[in-house]
Amino acid sequence: IDFDLILENIKDLNSLVREGISQIEHTPRGARLRRPEPLPFTLYQNGIVVGNGAFRPYQHPATQQCLQDIMDGYFPSELQPRYPDGV
């Protein structure tokens, strides 16, 4: 696992989010712009934790797919169902 590439790509993806459009949050008196909440992504020597999820070892196929998406320069595809408007 190329940790340097993963960290570099995560920084690039984070910069894309910062440059993106804020989300519209509806309030009782109208609406306001709101930045999306960050999603923690923790790398360990033997696995990862995404958000408040469970620890996932690197050998797990879903973990490998998640890391491959990041190494390819994309947001992890597993996040699309939970965050259809982006994260």
N, C-alpha and C. Protein backbone atom coordinates (compact mmCIF):
# COMPACT_ATOMS: atom_id res chain seq x y z
N ILE A 1 0.86 -1.18 0.00
CA ILE A 1 0.00 0.00 0.00
C ILE A 1 0.90 1.23 0.00
N ASP A 2 0.64 2.11 -0.94
CA ASP A 2 1.42 3.34 -1.07
C ASP A 2 0.76 4.44 -0.25
N PHE A 3 1.16 4.54 1.03
CA PHE A 3 0.55 5.51 1.93
C PHE A 3 0.78 6.95 1.46
N ASP A 4 1.96 7.21 0.88
CA ASP A 4 2.23 8.57 0.40
C ASP A 4 1.26 8.97 -0.71
N LEU A 5 0.99 8.05 -1.64
CA LEU A 5 0.04 8.33 -2.72
C LEU A 5 -1.37 8.52 -2.17
N ILE A 6 -1.76 7.69 -1.23
CA ILE A 6 -3.09 7.82 -0.62
C ILE A 6 -3.23 9.19 0.05
N LEU A 7 -2.24 9.58 0.84
CA LEU A 7 -2.32 10.87 1.54
C LEU A 7 -2.30 12.03 0.56
N GLU A 8 -1.49 11.94 -0.49
CA GLU A 8 -1.45 13.00 -1.50
C GLU A 8 -2.80 13.12 -2.22
N ASN A 9 -3.40 12.00 -2.57
CA ASN A 9 -4.69 12.03 -3.26
C ASN A 9 -5.81 12.51 -2.35
N ILE A 10 -5.75 12.16 -1.07
CA ILE A 10 -6.75 12.66 -0.13
C ILE A 10 -6.64 14.18 -0.02
N LYS A 11 -5.42 14.71 0.02
CA LYS A 11 -5.24 16.17 0.06
C LYS A 11 -5.83 16.81 -1.19
N ASP A 12 -5.58 16.20 -2.35
CA ASP A 12 -6.13 16.73 -3.60
C ASP A 12 -7.66 16.70 -3.59
N LEU A 13 -8.23 15.59 -3.12
CA LEU A 13 -9.69 15.48 -3.06
C LEU A 13 -10.27 16.50 -2.08
N ASN A 14 -9.59 16.70 -0.95
CA ASN A 14 -10.05 17.70 0.02
C ASN A 14 -10.02 19.09 -0.58
N SER A 15 -9.01 19.39 -1.38
CA SER A 15 -8.95 20.72 -1.98
C SER A 15 -10.09 20.91 -2.98
N LEU A 16 -10.50 19.84 -3.66
CA LEU A 16 -11.66 19.94 -4.56
C LEU A 16 -12.92 20.26 -3.79
N VAL A 17 -13.08 19.66 -2.63
CA VAL A 17 -14.28 19.90 -1.82
C VAL A 17 -14.29 21.34 -1.33
N ARG A 18 -13.14 21.86 -0.91
CA ARG A 18 -13.07 23.24 -0.42
C ARG A 18 -13.42 24.24 -1.51
N GLU A 19 -13.08 23.89 -2.76
CA GLU A 19 -13.37 24.79 -3.87
C GLU A 19 -14.81 24.65 -4.35
N GLY A 20 -15.49 23.60 -3.91
CA GLY A 20 -16.83 23.32 -4.40
C GLY A 20 -17.88 24.26 -3.84
N ILE A 21 -19.08 24.07 -4.30
CA ILE A 21 -20.20 24.89 -3.88
C ILE A 21 -20.72 24.40 -2.54
N SER A 22 -21.05 25.33 -1.67
CA SER A 22 -21.66 24.97 -0.39
C SER A 22 -23.05 24.42 -0.63
N GLN A 23 -23.53 23.66 0.33
CA GLN A 23 -24.86 23.08 0.23
C GLN A 23 -25.89 24.07 0.77
N ILE A 24 -27.11 23.96 0.25
CA ILE A 24 -28.20 24.80 0.73
C ILE A 24 -28.89 24.08 1.88
N GLU A 25 -28.99 24.78 3.00
CA GLU A 25 -29.68 24.25 4.17
C GLU A 25 -30.95 25.06 4.39
N HIS A 26 -32.09 24.40 4.36
CA HIS A 26 -33.36 25.09 4.55
C HIS A 26 -33.59 25.34 6.03
N THR A 27 -34.02 26.54 6.35
CA THR A 27 -34.29 26.94 7.73
C THR A 27 -35.75 27.39 7.82
N PRO A 28 -36.29 27.57 9.02
CA PRO A 28 -37.68 28.02 9.15
C PRO A 28 -37.93 29.38 8.49
N ARG A 29 -36.89 30.22 8.40
CA ARG A 29 -37.06 31.55 7.81
C ARG A 29 -36.49 31.65 6.40
N GLY A 30 -36.13 30.56 5.80
CA GLY A 30 -35.57 30.63 4.44
C GLY A 30 -34.52 29.54 4.23
N ALA A 31 -33.34 29.97 3.85
CA ALA A 31 -32.26 29.03 3.60
C ALA A 31 -30.92 29.73 3.82
N ARG A 32 -29.88 28.93 3.99
CA ARG A 32 -28.53 29.47 4.13
C ARG A 32 -27.55 28.48 3.52
N LEU A 33 -26.38 28.99 3.19
CA LEU A 33 -25.34 28.12 2.65
C LEU A 33 -24.58 27.47 3.80
N ARG A 34 -24.26 26.20 3.60
CA ARG A 34 -23.56 25.44 4.63
C ARG A 34 -22.52 24.57 3.95
N ARG A 35 -21.36 24.51 4.54
CA ARG A 35 -20.32 23.61 4.04
C ARG A 35 -20.62 22.21 4.55
N PRO A 36 -20.36 21.20 3.73
CA PRO A 36 -20.58 19.82 4.17
C PRO A 36 -19.67 19.46 5.35
N GLU A 37 -20.16 18.62 6.22
CA GLU A 37 -19.36 18.14 7.35
C GLU A 37 -18.24 17.23 6.83
N PRO A 38 -17.05 17.33 7.40
CA PRO A 38 -15.96 16.45 6.96
C PRO A 38 -16.23 15.00 7.38
N LEU A 39 -15.67 14.09 6.62
CA LEU A 39 -15.78 12.66 6.92
C LEU A 39 -14.40 12.16 7.31
N PRO A 40 -14.21 11.81 8.59
CA PRO A 40 -12.89 11.33 9.01
C PRO A 40 -12.50 10.04 8.29
N PHE A 41 -11.24 9.96 7.93
CA PHE A 41 -10.69 8.79 7.27
C PHE A 41 -9.37 8.51 7.96
N THR A 42 -9.30 7.40 8.70
CA THR A 42 -8.12 7.10 9.51
C THR A 42 -7.39 5.89 8.97
N LEU A 43 -6.10 6.08 8.70
CA LEU A 43 -5.24 4.99 8.24
C LEU A 43 -4.46 4.43 9.42
N TYR A 44 -4.47 3.12 9.54
CA TYR A 44 -3.68 2.44 10.55
C TYR A 44 -2.69 1.52 9.85
N GLN A 45 -1.79 0.96 10.60
CA GLN A 45 -0.78 0.07 10.04
C GLN A 45 -1.43 -1.16 9.39
N ASN A 46 -2.56 -1.59 9.94
CA ASN A 46 -3.18 -2.83 9.45
C ASN A 46 -4.60 -2.66 8.93
N GLY A 47 -5.07 -1.40 8.76
CA GLY A 47 -6.43 -1.21 8.25
C GLY A 47 -6.86 0.24 8.29
N ILE A 48 -8.15 0.47 8.03
CA ILE A 48 -8.71 1.83 7.99
C ILE A 48 -10.02 1.90 8.77
N VAL A 49 -10.39 3.13 9.08
CA VAL A 49 -11.72 3.43 9.62
C VAL A 49 -12.25 4.61 8.81
N VAL A 50 -13.44 4.48 8.25
CA VAL A 50 -14.08 5.55 7.49
C VAL A 50 -15.24 6.07 8.31
N GLY A 51 -15.21 7.37 8.61
CA GLY A 51 -16.27 7.96 9.42
C GLY A 51 -16.28 7.34 10.81
N ASN A 52 -17.48 7.04 11.28
CA ASN A 52 -17.63 6.38 12.57
C ASN A 52 -17.82 4.88 12.40
N GLY A 53 -17.41 4.35 11.25
CA GLY A 53 -17.59 2.95 10.95
C GLY A 53 -16.63 2.06 11.71
N ALA A 54 -16.75 0.79 11.43
CA ALA A 54 -15.91 -0.22 12.08
C ALA A 54 -14.52 -0.25 11.45
N PHE A 55 -13.58 -0.78 12.19
CA PHE A 55 -12.23 -1.00 11.67
C PHE A 55 -12.30 -2.00 10.54
N ARG A 56 -11.58 -1.74 9.45
CA ARG A 56 -11.58 -2.63 8.30
C ARG A 56 -10.14 -2.97 7.94
N PRO A 57 -9.77 -4.24 8.00
CA PRO A 57 -8.41 -4.62 7.65
C PRO A 57 -8.15 -4.43 6.15
N TYR A 58 -6.89 -4.22 5.80
CA TYR A 58 -6.52 -4.01 4.40
C TYR A 58 -6.85 -5.20 3.51
N GLN A 59 -6.93 -6.38 4.08
CA GLN A 59 -7.21 -7.57 3.29
C GLN A 59 -8.67 -7.66 2.85
N HIS A 60 -9.55 -6.90 3.46
CA HIS A 60 -10.97 -6.97 3.14
C HIS A 60 -11.20 -6.37 1.74
N PRO A 61 -11.98 -7.05 0.87
CA PRO A 61 -12.20 -6.56 -0.50
C PRO A 61 -12.77 -5.14 -0.57
N ALA A 62 -13.69 -4.79 0.34
CA ALA A 62 -14.27 -3.44 0.32
C ALA A 62 -13.22 -2.39 0.67
N THR A 63 -12.31 -2.73 1.56
CA THR A 63 -11.22 -1.82 1.92
C THR A 63 -10.29 -1.63 0.74
N GLN A 64 -9.97 -2.72 0.06
CA GLN A 64 -9.10 -2.64 -1.11
C GLN A 64 -9.72 -1.78 -2.20
N GLN A 65 -11.03 -1.90 -2.41
CA GLN A 65 -11.72 -1.09 -3.42
C GLN A 65 -11.71 0.38 -3.02
N CYS A 66 -11.95 0.65 -1.76
CA CYS A 66 -11.94 2.02 -1.25
C CYS A 66 -10.58 2.66 -1.50
N LEU A 67 -9.51 1.97 -1.14
CA LEU A 67 -8.17 2.50 -1.31
C LEU A 67 -7.80 2.63 -2.79
N GLN A 68 -8.26 1.69 -3.61
CA GLN A 68 -7.98 1.78 -5.04
C GLN A 68 -8.65 3.00 -5.65
N ASP A 69 -9.88 3.28 -5.23
CA ASP A 69 -10.57 4.48 -5.71
C ASP A 69 -9.75 5.73 -5.37
N ILE A 70 -9.26 5.80 -4.14
CA ILE A 70 -8.47 6.96 -3.71
C ILE A 70 -7.16 7.03 -4.48
N MET A 71 -6.49 5.89 -4.65
CA MET A 71 -5.22 5.88 -5.38
C MET A 71 -5.42 6.26 -6.85
N ASP A 72 -6.61 6.00 -7.39
CA ASP A 72 -6.93 6.39 -8.76
C ASP A 72 -7.35 7.85 -8.86
N GLY A 73 -7.46 8.54 -7.69
CA GLY A 73 -7.81 9.96 -7.68
C GLY A 73 -9.29 10.24 -7.57
N TYR A 74 -10.07 9.27 -7.13
CA TYR A 74 -11.52 9.43 -7.01
C TYR A 74 -11.96 9.32 -5.55
N PHE A 75 -13.12 9.92 -5.26
CA PHE A 75 -13.74 9.68 -3.97
C PHE A 75 -14.18 8.22 -3.94
N PRO A 76 -14.11 7.55 -2.79
CA PRO A 76 -14.50 6.15 -2.73
C PRO A 76 -15.95 5.94 -3.18
N SER A 77 -16.14 5.01 -4.10
CA SER A 77 -17.47 4.75 -4.66
C SER A 77 -18.45 4.27 -3.59
N GLU A 78 -17.95 3.70 -2.52
CA GLU A 78 -18.84 3.22 -1.45
C GLU A 78 -19.58 4.35 -0.75
N LEU A 79 -19.11 5.58 -0.92
CA LEU A 79 -19.74 6.72 -0.26
C LEU A 79 -20.93 7.27 -1.05
N GLN A 80 -21.07 6.91 -2.30
CA GLN A 80 -22.13 7.47 -3.13
C GLN A 80 -23.54 7.22 -2.59
N PRO A 81 -23.88 6.01 -2.13
CA PRO A 81 -25.24 5.83 -1.60
C PRO A 81 -25.54 6.69 -0.37
N ARG A 82 -24.54 6.87 0.51
CA ARG A 82 -24.75 7.65 1.74
C ARG A 82 -24.65 9.16 1.50
N TYR A 83 -23.87 9.55 0.50
CA TYR A 83 -23.63 10.95 0.21
C TYR A 83 -23.84 11.22 -1.28
N PRO A 84 -25.08 11.15 -1.77
CA PRO A 84 -25.31 11.32 -3.21
C PRO A 84 -24.96 12.72 -3.72
N ASP A 85 -24.93 13.72 -2.84
CA ASP A 85 -24.59 15.07 -3.24
C ASP A 85 -23.12 15.40 -3.00
N GLY A 86 -22.34 14.40 -2.60
CA GLY A 86 -20.92 14.60 -2.33
C GLY A 86 -20.63 14.65 -0.85
N VAL A 87 -19.34 14.50 -0.54
CA VAL A 87 -18.91 14.52 0.85
C VAL A 87 -17.65 15.35 0.97
